[in-house]
């Protein structure tokens, strides 16, 4: 029992070292309508980042939520294109700025029933 408690304590101490700010802001303002993912502070995306993004997109698409990817830098944009993440009406949109993302979201909500 002491070993289990020690293992759990060590594991709990290790968790904060893995939790880092990766520069991603996710906002799902109206589930079923739209969500914004701002990755402007992400200059490079690796396979783990792509898996997480694809997972988030899948969950939001199941809820019929438009995902607006804002401020995507060059390398992540190319990686997303290779992975098949492209603009798709009603599902995925790209915005050059947060302001443009807000405009797209407002346009989408006025068209949605």
N, C-alpha and C. Protein backbone atom coordinates (compact mmCIF):
# COMPACT_ATOMS: atom_id res chain seq x y z
N UNK A 1 0.82 -1.19 0.00
CA UNK A 1 0.00 0.00 0.00
C UNK A 1 0.87 1.26 0.00
N UNK A 2 1.97 1.24 0.77
CA UNK A 2 2.86 2.41 0.81
C UNK A 2 3.47 2.66 -0.56
N UNK A 3 3.78 1.57 -1.29
CA UNK A 3 4.36 1.74 -2.63
C UNK A 3 3.37 2.42 -3.56
N UNK A 4 2.10 2.02 -3.47
CA UNK A 4 1.08 2.62 -4.33
C UNK A 4 0.95 4.10 -4.02
N UNK A 5 0.88 4.45 -2.72
CA UNK A 5 0.75 5.86 -2.34
C UNK A 5 1.97 6.65 -2.80
N UNK A 6 3.17 6.08 -2.65
CA UNK A 6 4.38 6.77 -3.08
C UNK A 6 4.37 6.96 -4.60
N UNK A 7 3.96 5.93 -5.33
CA UNK A 7 3.89 6.03 -6.79
C UNK A 7 2.91 7.11 -7.21
N UNK A 8 1.75 7.16 -6.54
CA UNK A 8 0.76 8.18 -6.87
C UNK A 8 1.28 9.57 -6.54
N UNK A 9 1.98 9.71 -5.42
CA UNK A 9 2.53 11.01 -5.04
C UNK A 9 3.59 11.45 -6.04
N UNK A 10 4.46 10.54 -6.46
CA UNK A 10 5.47 10.89 -7.45
C UNK A 10 4.84 11.25 -8.79
N UNK A 11 3.82 10.50 -9.16
CA UNK A 11 3.13 10.79 -10.41
C UNK A 11 2.47 12.16 -10.35
N UNK A 12 1.86 12.49 -9.19
CA UNK A 12 1.21 13.79 -9.05
C UNK A 12 2.23 14.92 -9.12
N UNK A 13 3.42 14.71 -8.59
CA UNK A 13 4.44 15.75 -8.64
C UNK A 13 4.97 15.92 -10.06
N UNK A 14 4.96 14.86 -10.84
CA UNK A 14 5.50 14.92 -12.20
C UNK A 14 4.55 15.63 -13.16
N UNK A 15 3.27 15.60 -12.89
CA UNK A 15 2.29 16.16 -13.82
C UNK A 15 2.55 17.63 -14.14
N UNK A 16 2.80 18.50 -13.16
CA UNK A 16 3.02 19.90 -13.53
C UNK A 16 4.19 20.13 -14.48
N UNK A 17 5.18 19.25 -14.45
CA UNK A 17 6.31 19.44 -15.35
C UNK A 17 5.92 19.20 -16.81
N UNK A 18 4.85 18.44 -17.03
CA UNK A 18 4.39 18.19 -18.39
C UNK A 18 3.41 19.27 -18.85
N UNK A 19 2.77 19.94 -17.93
CA UNK A 19 1.79 20.95 -18.27
C UNK A 19 2.51 22.25 -18.61
N UNK A 20 2.53 22.57 -19.89
CA UNK A 20 3.18 23.80 -20.33
C UNK A 20 2.22 24.60 -21.18
N UNK A 21 2.46 25.88 -21.25
CA UNK A 21 1.67 26.75 -22.09
C UNK A 21 2.17 26.60 -23.52
N UNK A 22 1.30 26.09 -24.40
CA UNK A 22 1.71 25.87 -25.77
C UNK A 22 1.21 26.96 -26.71
N UNK A 23 0.62 28.01 -26.15
CA UNK A 23 0.21 29.14 -26.96
C UNK A 23 -1.07 28.93 -27.75
N UNK A 24 -1.96 28.08 -27.25
CA UNK A 24 -3.21 27.81 -27.94
C UNK A 24 -4.36 28.30 -27.08
N UNK A 25 -5.28 29.01 -27.69
CA UNK A 25 -6.47 29.48 -27.00
C UNK A 25 -7.68 28.84 -27.67
N UNK A 26 -8.48 28.12 -26.87
CA UNK A 26 -9.66 27.46 -27.40
C UNK A 26 -10.88 28.08 -26.75
N UNK A 27 -11.85 28.44 -27.56
CA UNK A 27 -13.07 29.05 -27.05
C UNK A 27 -14.25 28.49 -27.83
N UNK A 28 -15.13 27.76 -27.13
CA UNK A 28 -16.36 27.28 -27.75
C UNK A 28 -17.48 28.10 -27.13
N UNK A 29 -17.80 29.20 -27.79
CA UNK A 29 -18.76 30.14 -27.22
C UNK A 29 -20.18 29.63 -27.26
N UNK A 30 -20.53 28.95 -28.33
CA UNK A 30 -21.87 28.44 -28.46
C UNK A 30 -21.79 27.04 -29.06
N UNK A 31 -21.77 26.00 -28.19
CA UNK A 31 -21.72 24.63 -28.72
C UNK A 31 -22.84 24.40 -29.73
N UNK A 32 -22.51 23.74 -30.79
CA UNK A 32 -23.47 23.51 -31.85
C UNK A 32 -23.51 24.65 -32.87
N UNK A 33 -22.82 25.75 -32.57
CA UNK A 33 -22.76 26.86 -33.52
C UNK A 33 -21.33 27.12 -33.97
N UNK A 34 -20.47 27.59 -33.05
CA UNK A 34 -19.10 27.87 -33.46
C UNK A 34 -18.15 27.79 -32.28
N UNK A 35 -16.89 27.55 -32.63
CA UNK A 35 -15.80 27.57 -31.66
C UNK A 35 -14.58 28.15 -32.34
N UNK A 36 -13.71 28.80 -31.56
CA UNK A 36 -12.52 29.42 -32.12
C UNK A 36 -11.29 28.79 -31.49
N UNK A 37 -10.34 28.43 -32.33
CA UNK A 37 -9.05 27.93 -31.87
C UNK A 37 -8.00 28.89 -32.41
N UNK A 38 -7.37 29.64 -31.50
CA UNK A 38 -6.36 30.61 -31.87
C UNK A 38 -4.99 29.97 -31.64
N UNK A 39 -4.29 29.67 -32.72
CA UNK A 39 -2.97 29.05 -32.59
C UNK A 39 -1.87 29.97 -33.13
N UNK A 40 -2.12 31.25 -33.04
CA UNK A 40 -1.17 32.24 -33.54
C UNK A 40 0.19 32.20 -32.87
N UNK A 41 0.25 31.70 -31.64
CA UNK A 41 1.52 31.63 -30.91
C UNK A 41 2.22 30.29 -31.12
N UNK A 42 1.74 29.50 -32.08
CA UNK A 42 2.32 28.18 -32.34
C UNK A 42 3.07 28.24 -33.68
N UNK A 43 4.40 28.39 -33.65
CA UNK A 43 5.14 28.47 -34.91
C UNK A 43 5.34 27.12 -35.58
N UNK A 44 5.34 26.05 -34.78
CA UNK A 44 5.59 24.71 -35.30
C UNK A 44 4.64 23.73 -34.62
N UNK A 45 4.04 22.84 -35.42
CA UNK A 45 3.16 21.82 -34.87
C UNK A 45 3.78 20.45 -35.17
N UNK A 46 3.80 19.59 -34.14
CA UNK A 46 4.31 18.24 -34.34
C UNK A 46 3.14 17.25 -34.40
N UNK A 47 3.46 15.97 -34.48
CA UNK A 47 2.43 14.94 -34.62
C UNK A 47 1.49 14.92 -33.41
N UNK A 48 2.01 15.15 -32.22
CA UNK A 48 1.16 15.16 -31.02
C UNK A 48 0.17 16.30 -31.09
N UNK A 49 0.63 17.46 -31.51
CA UNK A 49 -0.27 18.60 -31.68
C UNK A 49 -1.34 18.32 -32.71
N UNK A 50 -0.96 17.66 -33.79
CA UNK A 50 -1.93 17.34 -34.83
C UNK A 50 -2.98 16.36 -34.33
N UNK A 51 -2.56 15.35 -33.59
CA UNK A 51 -3.50 14.38 -33.04
C UNK A 51 -4.50 15.08 -32.12
N UNK A 52 -4.00 15.99 -31.28
CA UNK A 52 -4.89 16.73 -30.38
C UNK A 52 -5.84 17.62 -31.16
N UNK A 53 -5.35 18.28 -32.20
CA UNK A 53 -6.21 19.13 -33.02
C UNK A 53 -7.28 18.30 -33.71
N UNK A 54 -6.88 17.19 -34.31
CA UNK A 54 -7.84 16.33 -35.00
C UNK A 54 -8.90 15.80 -34.03
N UNK A 55 -8.49 15.46 -32.82
CA UNK A 55 -9.42 14.98 -31.81
C UNK A 55 -10.44 16.07 -31.46
N UNK A 56 -9.95 17.30 -31.26
CA UNK A 56 -10.85 18.42 -30.95
C UNK A 56 -11.81 18.67 -32.11
N UNK A 57 -11.29 18.65 -33.34
CA UNK A 57 -12.14 18.87 -34.51
C UNK A 57 -13.21 17.80 -34.61
N UNK A 58 -12.84 16.55 -34.38
CA UNK A 58 -13.82 15.46 -34.44
C UNK A 58 -14.94 15.66 -33.44
N UNK A 59 -14.58 16.01 -32.19
CA UNK A 59 -15.60 16.24 -31.16
C UNK A 59 -16.53 17.39 -31.55
N UNK A 60 -15.95 18.48 -32.03
CA UNK A 60 -16.77 19.64 -32.38
C UNK A 60 -17.62 19.37 -33.62
N UNK A 61 -17.10 18.61 -34.56
CA UNK A 61 -17.88 18.28 -35.76
C UNK A 61 -19.07 17.40 -35.42
N UNK A 62 -18.89 16.49 -34.46
CA UNK A 62 -20.02 15.65 -34.03
C UNK A 62 -21.16 16.50 -33.48
N UNK A 63 -20.81 17.64 -32.88
CA UNK A 63 -21.82 18.56 -32.34
C UNK A 63 -22.27 19.59 -33.38
N UNK A 64 -21.83 19.40 -34.63
CA UNK A 64 -22.17 20.33 -35.72
C UNK A 64 -21.73 21.76 -35.40
N UNK A 65 -20.52 21.86 -34.87
CA UNK A 65 -19.96 23.16 -34.49
C UNK A 65 -18.95 23.60 -35.53
N UNK A 66 -19.12 24.82 -36.04
CA UNK A 66 -18.13 25.39 -36.94
C UNK A 66 -16.88 25.70 -36.14
N UNK A 67 -15.73 25.25 -36.62
CA UNK A 67 -14.45 25.55 -35.97
C UNK A 67 -13.72 26.59 -36.80
N UNK A 68 -13.35 27.69 -36.14
CA UNK A 68 -12.62 28.76 -36.81
C UNK A 68 -11.19 28.74 -36.27
N UNK A 69 -10.24 28.40 -37.13
CA UNK A 69 -8.83 28.37 -36.77
C UNK A 69 -8.24 29.74 -37.08
N UNK A 70 -7.78 30.43 -36.05
CA UNK A 70 -7.33 31.80 -36.21
C UNK A 70 -5.81 31.91 -36.11
N UNK A 71 -5.25 32.79 -36.93
CA UNK A 71 -3.83 33.17 -36.90
C UNK A 71 -2.90 31.97 -37.08
N UNK A 72 -3.22 31.08 -38.00
CA UNK A 72 -2.40 29.89 -38.23
C UNK A 72 -1.12 30.30 -38.95
N UNK A 73 0.02 29.95 -38.37
CA UNK A 73 1.31 30.28 -38.99
C UNK A 73 1.63 29.28 -40.11
N UNK A 74 2.70 29.56 -40.84
CA UNK A 74 3.03 28.83 -42.07
C UNK A 74 3.22 27.32 -41.88
N UNK A 75 4.10 26.91 -40.96
CA UNK A 75 4.36 25.47 -40.80
C UNK A 75 3.12 24.70 -40.35
N UNK A 76 2.38 25.18 -39.32
CA UNK A 76 1.16 24.47 -38.95
C UNK A 76 0.14 24.43 -40.10
N UNK A 77 0.04 25.50 -40.89
CA UNK A 77 -0.90 25.53 -42.01
C UNK A 77 -0.56 24.45 -43.04
N UNK A 78 0.73 24.32 -43.35
CA UNK A 78 1.16 23.29 -44.31
C UNK A 78 0.92 21.89 -43.75
N UNK A 79 1.19 21.71 -42.45
CA UNK A 79 0.98 20.41 -41.81
C UNK A 79 -0.51 20.05 -41.81
N UNK A 80 -1.36 21.04 -41.52
CA UNK A 80 -2.81 20.80 -41.53
C UNK A 80 -3.28 20.43 -42.93
N UNK A 81 -2.76 21.11 -43.94
CA UNK A 81 -3.15 20.81 -45.32
C UNK A 81 -2.77 19.38 -45.69
N UNK A 82 -1.55 18.97 -45.29
CA UNK A 82 -1.13 17.58 -45.56
C UNK A 82 -2.02 16.58 -44.83
N UNK A 83 -2.54 16.97 -43.67
CA UNK A 83 -3.40 16.08 -42.89
C UNK A 83 -4.86 16.15 -43.36
N UNK A 84 -5.13 17.01 -44.34
CA UNK A 84 -6.49 17.11 -44.88
C UNK A 84 -7.39 18.08 -44.14
N UNK A 85 -6.83 18.91 -43.28
CA UNK A 85 -7.62 19.92 -42.58
C UNK A 85 -7.63 21.17 -43.45
N UNK A 86 -8.76 21.40 -44.08
CA UNK A 86 -8.91 22.50 -45.02
C UNK A 86 -10.23 23.20 -44.75
N UNK A 87 -10.40 24.41 -45.28
CA UNK A 87 -11.70 25.06 -45.12
C UNK A 87 -12.82 24.18 -45.67
N UNK A 88 -13.88 24.07 -44.90
CA UNK A 88 -15.02 23.25 -45.28
C UNK A 88 -16.27 23.97 -44.78
N UNK A 89 -17.13 24.43 -45.68
CA UNK A 89 -18.29 25.21 -45.26
C UNK A 89 -19.08 24.54 -44.13
N UNK A 90 -19.31 25.33 -43.07
CA UNK A 90 -20.07 24.84 -41.93
C UNK A 90 -19.29 24.01 -40.94
N UNK A 91 -18.05 23.63 -41.29
CA UNK A 91 -17.24 22.80 -40.39
C UNK A 91 -15.93 23.44 -39.98
N UNK A 92 -15.15 23.92 -40.96
CA UNK A 92 -13.84 24.50 -40.67
C UNK A 92 -13.66 25.78 -41.48
N UNK A 93 -13.20 26.82 -40.79
CA UNK A 93 -12.87 28.09 -41.46
C UNK A 93 -11.53 28.57 -40.91
N UNK A 94 -10.80 29.30 -41.71
CA UNK A 94 -9.53 29.88 -41.28
C UNK A 94 -9.67 31.40 -41.27
N UNK A 95 -9.06 32.04 -40.27
CA UNK A 95 -9.09 33.49 -40.17
C UNK A 95 -7.67 33.99 -39.92
N UNK A 96 -7.32 35.09 -40.57
CA UNK A 96 -5.98 35.67 -40.39
C UNK A 96 -5.81 36.38 -39.06
N UNK A 97 -6.92 36.76 -38.43
CA UNK A 97 -6.86 37.49 -37.16
C UNK A 97 -8.01 37.06 -36.26
N UNK A 98 -7.91 37.41 -34.99
CA UNK A 98 -9.00 37.12 -34.07
C UNK A 98 -10.23 37.93 -34.47
N UNK A 99 -10.01 39.15 -34.92
CA UNK A 99 -11.13 40.00 -35.35
C UNK A 99 -11.88 39.36 -36.51
N UNK A 100 -11.14 38.81 -37.47
CA UNK A 100 -11.78 38.13 -38.60
C UNK A 100 -12.52 36.89 -38.12
N UNK A 101 -11.96 36.17 -37.14
CA UNK A 101 -12.63 35.00 -36.58
C UNK A 101 -13.95 35.39 -35.93
N UNK A 102 -13.95 36.50 -35.21
CA UNK A 102 -15.19 36.99 -34.58
C UNK A 102 -16.22 37.34 -35.66
N UNK A 103 -15.77 37.99 -36.72
CA UNK A 103 -16.67 38.34 -37.83
C UNK A 103 -17.26 37.08 -38.46
N UNK A 104 -16.43 36.06 -38.70
CA UNK A 104 -16.92 34.80 -39.27
C UNK A 104 -17.93 34.14 -38.34
N UNK A 105 -17.65 34.17 -37.04
CA UNK A 105 -18.57 33.57 -36.06
C UNK A 105 -19.90 34.30 -36.07
N UNK A 106 -19.86 35.62 -36.10
CA UNK A 106 -21.11 36.40 -36.12
C UNK A 106 -21.89 36.11 -37.38
N UNK A 107 -21.21 36.04 -38.51
CA UNK A 107 -21.88 35.74 -39.77
C UNK A 107 -22.53 34.36 -39.71
N UNK A 108 -21.81 33.42 -39.13
CA UNK A 108 -22.32 32.06 -39.03
C UNK A 108 -23.55 31.98 -38.14
N UNK A 109 -23.52 32.70 -37.01
CA UNK A 109 -24.65 32.62 -36.09
C UNK A 109 -25.90 33.29 -36.65
N UNK A 110 -25.73 34.32 -37.49
CA UNK A 110 -26.92 34.95 -38.08
C UNK A 110 -27.54 34.08 -39.17
N UNK A 111 -26.75 33.18 -39.76
CA UNK A 111 -27.28 32.27 -40.77
C UNK A 111 -27.85 31.00 -40.17
N UNK A 112 -27.40 30.63 -38.96
CA UNK A 112 -27.85 29.39 -38.32
C UNK A 112 -29.26 29.56 -37.77
N UNK A 113 -30.06 28.49 -37.84
CA UNK A 113 -31.44 28.57 -37.33
C UNK A 113 -31.49 28.75 -35.83
